[in-house]
């Protein structure tokens, strides 16, 4: 009898949850699905915005053109390189910041947390302009401070990539560190104490107790940041506009769709970019083997 009442309460809570979240869920799904479906539909046509009367259905031909073009693969490589570099460096720095805030600066945690969020609160376009001005030959101070002469940071692929990655890392490391700090708070202290009593060193406790207990938080931080980094646009657009081979997939989609008004090809690039992001998300969820809904490792 008690079990039947509990089931009825659970069902009532579920109905209330759907009633509260349902409208927002429908709106979010509609807003998300419409541009995806429209881009998928447009990608099947040879369609140039300045010549709409000659729009013709070409099926998957646009995808064949893109996937056999070295421009796509170069942009894919640049995007992947930026994603790997920024996510790895941000994960290491974010972990260090989270550990410092969790153990050392407990009394100042609120102030430190607010201070490190300042870069993340700045609009990406504004921070990109700031970094560009800092490294430019005419307006910058970096060359003067480090006695680098007239080094043209944006005149070479690798130096431009360093500035782009540094800007990304500076801006989004606080986001990673706060997610990891939340994960550190979930690590059971009794397990840490038990490992300490057993003679485990700091590194052994970190590797065998802390990291496994934070698996869900690490996955969320890395996944969110990887998806964001793979769509990098603002920093490249402001600093190099894709020059010196720094064009990313988002810049490529922008050029095809907005600059060249090739709606069909641009839509196909956008769909391929979307599929890449989906594959990254699925790969991370499968690789980490974390059931976020159940709140445990599978």
Protein backbone atom coordinates (compact mmCIF):
# COMPACT_ATOMS: atom_id res chain seq x y z
CA UNK A 1 0.00 0.00 0.00
CA UNK A 2 2.87 2.32 0.98
CA UNK A 3 4.66 1.33 -2.24
CA UNK A 4 1.56 2.26 -4.32
CA UNK A 5 1.39 5.72 -2.69
CA UNK A 6 5.12 6.23 -3.40
CA UNK A 7 4.62 5.31 -7.06
CA UNK A 8 1.74 7.74 -7.35
CA UNK A 9 3.90 10.48 -5.83
CA UNK A 10 6.71 9.72 -8.27
CA UNK A 11 4.31 9.88 -11.20
CA UNK A 12 2.93 13.19 -9.94
CA UNK A 13 6.45 14.60 -9.65
CA UNK A 14 7.24 13.45 -13.18
CA UNK A 15 4.07 15.09 -14.52
CA UNK A 16 4.94 18.31 -12.71
CA UNK A 17 8.48 18.15 -14.10
CA UNK A 18 7.21 17.78 -17.66
CA UNK A 19 4.68 20.60 -17.17
CA UNK A 20 7.38 22.94 -15.88
CA UNK A 21 10.14 22.00 -18.30
CA UNK A 22 8.01 21.00 -21.29
CA UNK A 23 7.43 24.46 -22.85
CA UNK A 24 11.11 25.42 -22.57
CA UNK A 25 12.10 22.02 -23.97
CA UNK A 26 9.77 22.42 -26.98
CA UNK A 27 11.01 25.96 -27.69
CA UNK A 28 14.66 24.91 -27.36
CA UNK A 29 14.12 21.91 -29.62
CA UNK A 30 12.35 24.03 -32.25
CA UNK A 31 15.03 26.74 -32.22
CA UNK A 32 17.77 24.12 -32.49
CA UNK A 33 16.16 21.83 -35.01
CA UNK A 34 14.96 24.40 -37.53
CA UNK A 35 18.38 25.76 -38.60
CA UNK A 36 19.84 22.24 -38.69
CA UNK A 37 17.05 20.94 -40.92
CA UNK A 38 17.17 24.07 -43.11
CA UNK A 39 20.96 23.79 -43.54
CA UNK A 40 20.65 20.08 -44.36
CA UNK A 41 17.97 20.86 -46.97
CA UNK A 42 19.98 23.72 -48.54
CA UNK A 43 23.12 21.56 -48.68
CA UNK A 44 21.40 19.34 -51.25
CA UNK A 45 21.15 22.18 -53.79
CA UNK A 46 23.51 24.07 -56.06
CA UNK A 47 22.30 27.40 -54.73
CA UNK A 48 23.96 30.79 -54.96
CA UNK A 49 22.14 33.65 -53.23
CA UNK A 50 22.87 36.11 -56.08
CA UNK A 51 21.36 33.69 -58.63
CA UNK A 52 18.31 32.12 -56.95
CA UNK A 53 16.52 31.31 -60.24
CA UNK A 54 19.16 28.73 -61.21
CA UNK A 55 18.85 26.78 -57.99
CA UNK A 56 19.21 23.07 -58.79
CA UNK A 57 18.98 19.85 -56.76
CA UNK A 58 22.38 18.07 -56.72
CA UNK A 59 21.89 15.55 -53.90
CA UNK A 60 25.13 14.81 -52.03
CA UNK A 61 27.37 16.40 -54.67
CA UNK A 62 28.26 19.36 -52.41
CA UNK A 63 29.55 16.94 -49.76
CA UNK A 64 31.68 15.19 -52.37
CA UNK A 65 33.16 18.51 -53.50
CA UNK A 66 34.03 19.51 -49.92
CA UNK A 67 35.45 16.17 -48.77
CA UNK A 68 37.76 15.95 -51.81
CA UNK A 69 39.02 19.52 -51.42
CA UNK A 70 42.33 20.02 -49.51
CA UNK A 71 40.97 23.33 -48.16
CA UNK A 72 38.46 21.40 -46.02
CA UNK A 73 41.08 19.01 -44.67
CA UNK A 74 43.51 21.81 -43.87
CA UNK A 75 40.79 23.70 -41.98
CA UNK A 76 39.85 20.43 -40.23
CA UNK A 77 43.49 19.90 -39.21
CA UNK A 78 43.87 23.48 -37.91
CA UNK A 79 40.61 23.20 -35.95
CA UNK A 80 41.62 19.84 -34.45
CA UNK A 81 45.09 21.15 -33.54
CA UNK A 82 43.65 24.21 -31.76
CA UNK A 83 41.12 21.98 -29.96
CA UNK A 84 43.73 19.50 -28.70
CA UNK A 85 46.26 22.16 -27.60
CA UNK A 86 43.76 24.39 -25.80
CA UNK A 87 41.82 21.60 -24.09
CA UNK A 88 44.96 19.82 -22.80
CA UNK A 89 46.60 23.02 -21.50
CA UNK A 90 43.34 24.28 -19.98
CA UNK A 91 42.74 20.94 -18.26
CA UNK A 92 46.20 21.01 -16.63
CA UNK A 93 45.99 24.68 -15.62
CA UNK A 94 42.36 24.33 -14.56
CA UNK A 95 43.22 21.37 -12.33
CA UNK A 96 46.07 23.34 -10.74
CA UNK A 97 43.82 26.34 -10.07
CA UNK A 98 41.04 24.13 -8.69
CA UNK A 99 43.45 22.36 -6.32
CA UNK A 100 44.84 25.67 -5.09
CA UNK A 101 41.35 27.06 -4.44
CA UNK A 102 40.18 23.81 -2.82
CA UNK A 103 43.04 23.24 -0.40
CA UNK A 104 45.18 26.35 -0.03
CA UNK A 105 42.98 29.42 -0.43
CA UNK A 106 39.93 28.19 1.46
CA UNK A 107 39.47 31.51 3.25
CA UNK A 108 39.79 33.54 0.05
CA UNK A 109 37.95 31.10 -2.20
CA UNK A 110 35.06 33.48 -2.93
CA UNK A 111 37.33 36.37 -3.89
CA UNK A 112 39.66 34.16 -5.96
CA UNK A 113 36.71 32.52 -7.69
CA UNK A 114 35.29 35.92 -8.68
CA UNK A 115 38.72 37.21 -9.76
CA UNK A 116 39.57 34.32 -12.06
CA UNK A 117 36.15 34.58 -13.71
CA UNK A 118 36.97 38.05 -15.10
CA UNK A 119 38.56 36.73 -18.35
CA UNK A 120 35.59 34.42 -18.91
CA UNK A 121 33.16 37.32 -18.43
CA UNK A 122 34.81 39.38 -21.18
CA UNK A 123 33.19 39.11 -24.61
CA UNK A 124 35.35 36.97 -26.91
CA UNK A 125 35.53 39.65 -29.61
CA UNK A 126 36.79 42.20 -27.08
CA UNK A 127 39.45 39.84 -25.70
CA UNK A 128 40.51 38.94 -29.27
CA UNK A 129 41.05 42.61 -30.12
CA UNK A 130 43.00 43.07 -26.85
CA UNK A 131 45.33 40.17 -27.68
CA UNK A 132 45.72 41.38 -31.25
CA UNK A 133 46.68 44.88 -30.10
CA UNK A 134 49.12 43.41 -27.56
CA UNK A 135 51.00 41.35 -30.18
CA UNK A 136 50.74 43.71 -33.17
CA UNK A 137 53.93 45.39 -34.40
CA UNK A 138 52.57 48.92 -34.34
CA UNK A 139 50.34 48.94 -31.24
CA UNK A 140 51.67 45.99 -29.23
CA UNK A 141 53.90 45.92 -26.17
CA UNK A 142 54.90 42.23 -26.16
CA UNK A 143 57.80 42.68 -28.60
CA UNK A 144 59.10 45.63 -26.55
CA UNK A 145 58.83 43.88 -23.19
CA UNK A 146 60.58 40.70 -24.37
CA UNK A 147 63.03 42.45 -26.75
CA UNK A 148 61.75 40.57 -29.80
CA UNK A 149 62.37 43.40 -32.27
CA UNK A 150 59.84 43.57 -35.10
CA UNK A 151 58.61 39.97 -34.83
CA UNK A 152 55.40 39.72 -36.88
CA UNK A 153 53.30 37.36 -34.77
CA UNK A 154 50.48 37.27 -37.34
CA UNK A 155 52.76 36.86 -40.38
CA UNK A 156 53.49 33.16 -39.81
CA UNK A 157 51.25 30.14 -39.17
CA UNK A 158 52.90 28.89 -35.99
CA UNK A 159 53.34 32.27 -34.25
CA UNK A 160 49.76 33.23 -35.14
CA UNK A 161 48.57 29.89 -33.77
CA UNK A 162 50.44 30.53 -30.52
CA UNK A 163 48.61 33.84 -30.00
CA UNK A 164 45.23 32.36 -30.95
CA UNK A 165 45.67 29.41 -28.56
CA UNK A 166 47.00 31.67 -25.77
CA UNK A 167 43.94 33.89 -26.08
CA UNK A 168 41.61 30.90 -25.95
CA UNK A 169 43.44 29.43 -22.94
CA UNK A 170 43.48 32.75 -21.05
CA UNK A 171 39.75 33.23 -21.53
CA UNK A 172 38.32 29.78 -20.82
CA UNK A 173 40.67 28.21 -18.25
CA UNK A 174 38.56 29.75 -15.42
CA UNK A 175 35.51 27.89 -16.75
CA UNK A 176 37.39 24.57 -16.58
CA UNK A 177 38.78 25.31 -13.12
CA UNK A 178 35.37 26.07 -11.64
CA UNK A 179 33.87 22.87 -13.05
CA UNK A 180 36.80 20.89 -11.60
CA UNK A 181 36.50 22.72 -8.27
CA UNK A 182 32.89 21.54 -8.05
CA UNK A 183 34.13 18.01 -8.75
CA UNK A 184 36.80 18.25 -6.04
CA UNK A 185 34.12 19.11 -3.50
CA UNK A 186 32.47 15.73 -4.25
CA UNK A 187 35.60 13.66 -3.47
CA UNK A 188 34.94 11.74 -0.19
CA UNK A 189 37.30 12.93 2.54
CA UNK A 190 37.14 9.55 4.32
CA UNK A 191 38.66 7.86 1.26
CA UNK A 192 41.45 10.45 1.22
CA UNK A 193 42.11 9.87 4.93
CA UNK A 194 42.05 6.09 4.51
CA UNK A 195 44.58 6.28 1.68
CA UNK A 196 46.75 8.59 3.77
CA UNK A 197 46.66 6.13 6.69
CA UNK A 198 47.69 3.34 4.30
CA UNK A 199 50.80 5.34 3.44
CA UNK A 200 49.76 6.60 -0.01
CA UNK A 201 51.71 9.60 -1.29
CA UNK A 202 50.01 12.78 -2.56
CA UNK A 203 50.47 11.67 -6.16
CA UNK A 204 49.04 8.18 -5.43
CA UNK A 205 46.00 9.69 -3.67
CA UNK A 206 45.51 12.11 -6.56
CA UNK A 207 45.79 9.37 -9.21
CA UNK A 208 43.85 6.60 -7.43
CA UNK A 209 41.27 8.50 -5.34
CA UNK A 210 40.81 12.08 -6.54
CA UNK A 211 40.76 11.61 -10.32
CA UNK A 212 38.48 8.51 -10.36
CA UNK A 213 36.03 10.28 -8.02
CA UNK A 214 35.95 13.29 -10.35
CA UNK A 215 35.42 11.35 -13.57
CA UNK A 216 32.01 12.90 -14.26
CA UNK A 217 33.23 16.46 -13.62
CA UNK A 218 36.31 15.95 -15.80
CA UNK A 219 34.17 14.58 -18.61
CA UNK A 220 31.75 17.51 -18.47
CA UNK A 221 34.61 20.06 -18.40
CA UNK A 222 36.54 18.45 -21.25
CA UNK A 223 33.44 17.77 -23.34
CA UNK A 224 32.03 21.31 -23.05
CA UNK A 225 35.40 22.89 -23.76
CA UNK A 226 36.22 20.56 -26.68
CA UNK A 227 32.88 21.32 -28.34
CA UNK A 228 33.44 25.05 -27.82
CA UNK A 229 37.05 24.93 -29.08
CA UNK A 230 36.06 22.97 -32.19
CA UNK A 231 33.75 25.83 -33.19
CA UNK A 232 36.51 28.47 -32.76
CA UNK A 233 35.70 31.55 -34.85
CA UNK A 234 36.03 34.93 -33.10
CA UNK A 235 39.75 34.87 -32.25
CA UNK A 236 40.80 33.72 -35.73
CA UNK A 237 38.42 36.14 -37.47
CA UNK A 238 39.73 39.12 -35.49
CA UNK A 239 43.45 38.26 -35.41
CA UNK A 240 44.20 36.77 -38.85
CA UNK A 241 40.88 36.44 -40.68
CA UNK A 242 42.10 32.98 -41.71
CA UNK A 243 45.38 34.24 -43.23
CA UNK A 244 48.67 32.26 -42.99
CA UNK A 245 46.69 29.00 -43.14
CA UNK A 246 44.86 29.59 -39.84
CA UNK A 247 41.40 29.12 -41.32
CA UNK A 248 39.15 26.96 -39.11
CA UNK A 249 36.01 25.07 -40.12
CA UNK A 250 33.76 27.85 -38.78
CA UNK A 251 35.70 30.45 -40.80
CA UNK A 252 35.40 28.21 -43.87
CA UNK A 253 31.63 27.92 -43.41
CA UNK A 254 31.40 31.70 -42.95
CA UNK A 255 33.36 32.37 -46.15
CA UNK A 256 31.26 30.03 -48.24
CA UNK A 257 27.92 31.19 -46.88
CA UNK A 258 28.39 34.92 -46.20
CA UNK A 259 31.36 36.08 -48.31
CA UNK A 260 30.77 33.93 -51.42
CA UNK A 261 26.99 33.56 -50.84
CA UNK A 262 27.31 29.89 -51.89
CA UNK A 263 24.40 28.75 -49.73
CA UNK A 264 24.55 25.12 -50.88
CA UNK A 265 28.27 24.60 -50.26
CA UNK A 266 28.23 26.71 -47.07
CA UNK A 267 25.33 24.70 -45.68
CA UNK A 268 27.15 21.46 -46.47
CA UNK A 269 30.22 22.72 -44.56
CA UNK A 270 27.97 23.65 -41.64
CA UNK A 271 26.33 20.21 -41.61
CA UNK A 272 29.73 18.49 -41.68
CA UNK A 273 30.88 20.72 -38.82
CA UNK A 274 27.74 19.80 -36.86
CA UNK A 275 28.32 16.08 -37.49
CA UNK A 276 31.94 16.45 -36.31
CA UNK A 277 30.74 18.04 -33.07
CA UNK A 278 28.20 15.25 -32.56
CA UNK A 279 30.92 12.62 -33.10
CA UNK A 280 33.16 14.35 -30.55
CA UNK A 281 30.34 14.40 -27.99
CA UNK A 282 29.47 10.73 -28.54
CA UNK A 283 33.16 9.79 -28.38
CA UNK A 284 33.68 11.54 -25.05
CA UNK A 285 30.52 10.06 -23.48
CA UNK A 286 31.45 6.55 -24.64
CA UNK A 287 35.13 6.97 -23.76
CA UNK A 288 34.60 8.20 -20.22
CA UNK A 289 31.80 5.66 -19.58
CA UNK A 290 30.00 8.00 -17.20
CA UNK A 291 26.25 7.87 -16.63
CA UNK A 292 25.49 11.49 -15.77
CA UNK A 293 21.78 10.85 -15.21
CA UNK A 294 22.54 8.19 -12.61
CA UNK A 295 25.49 10.15 -11.20
CA UNK A 296 27.89 7.23 -11.35
CA UNK A 297 30.55 5.63 -13.55
CA UNK A 298 29.15 2.83 -15.70
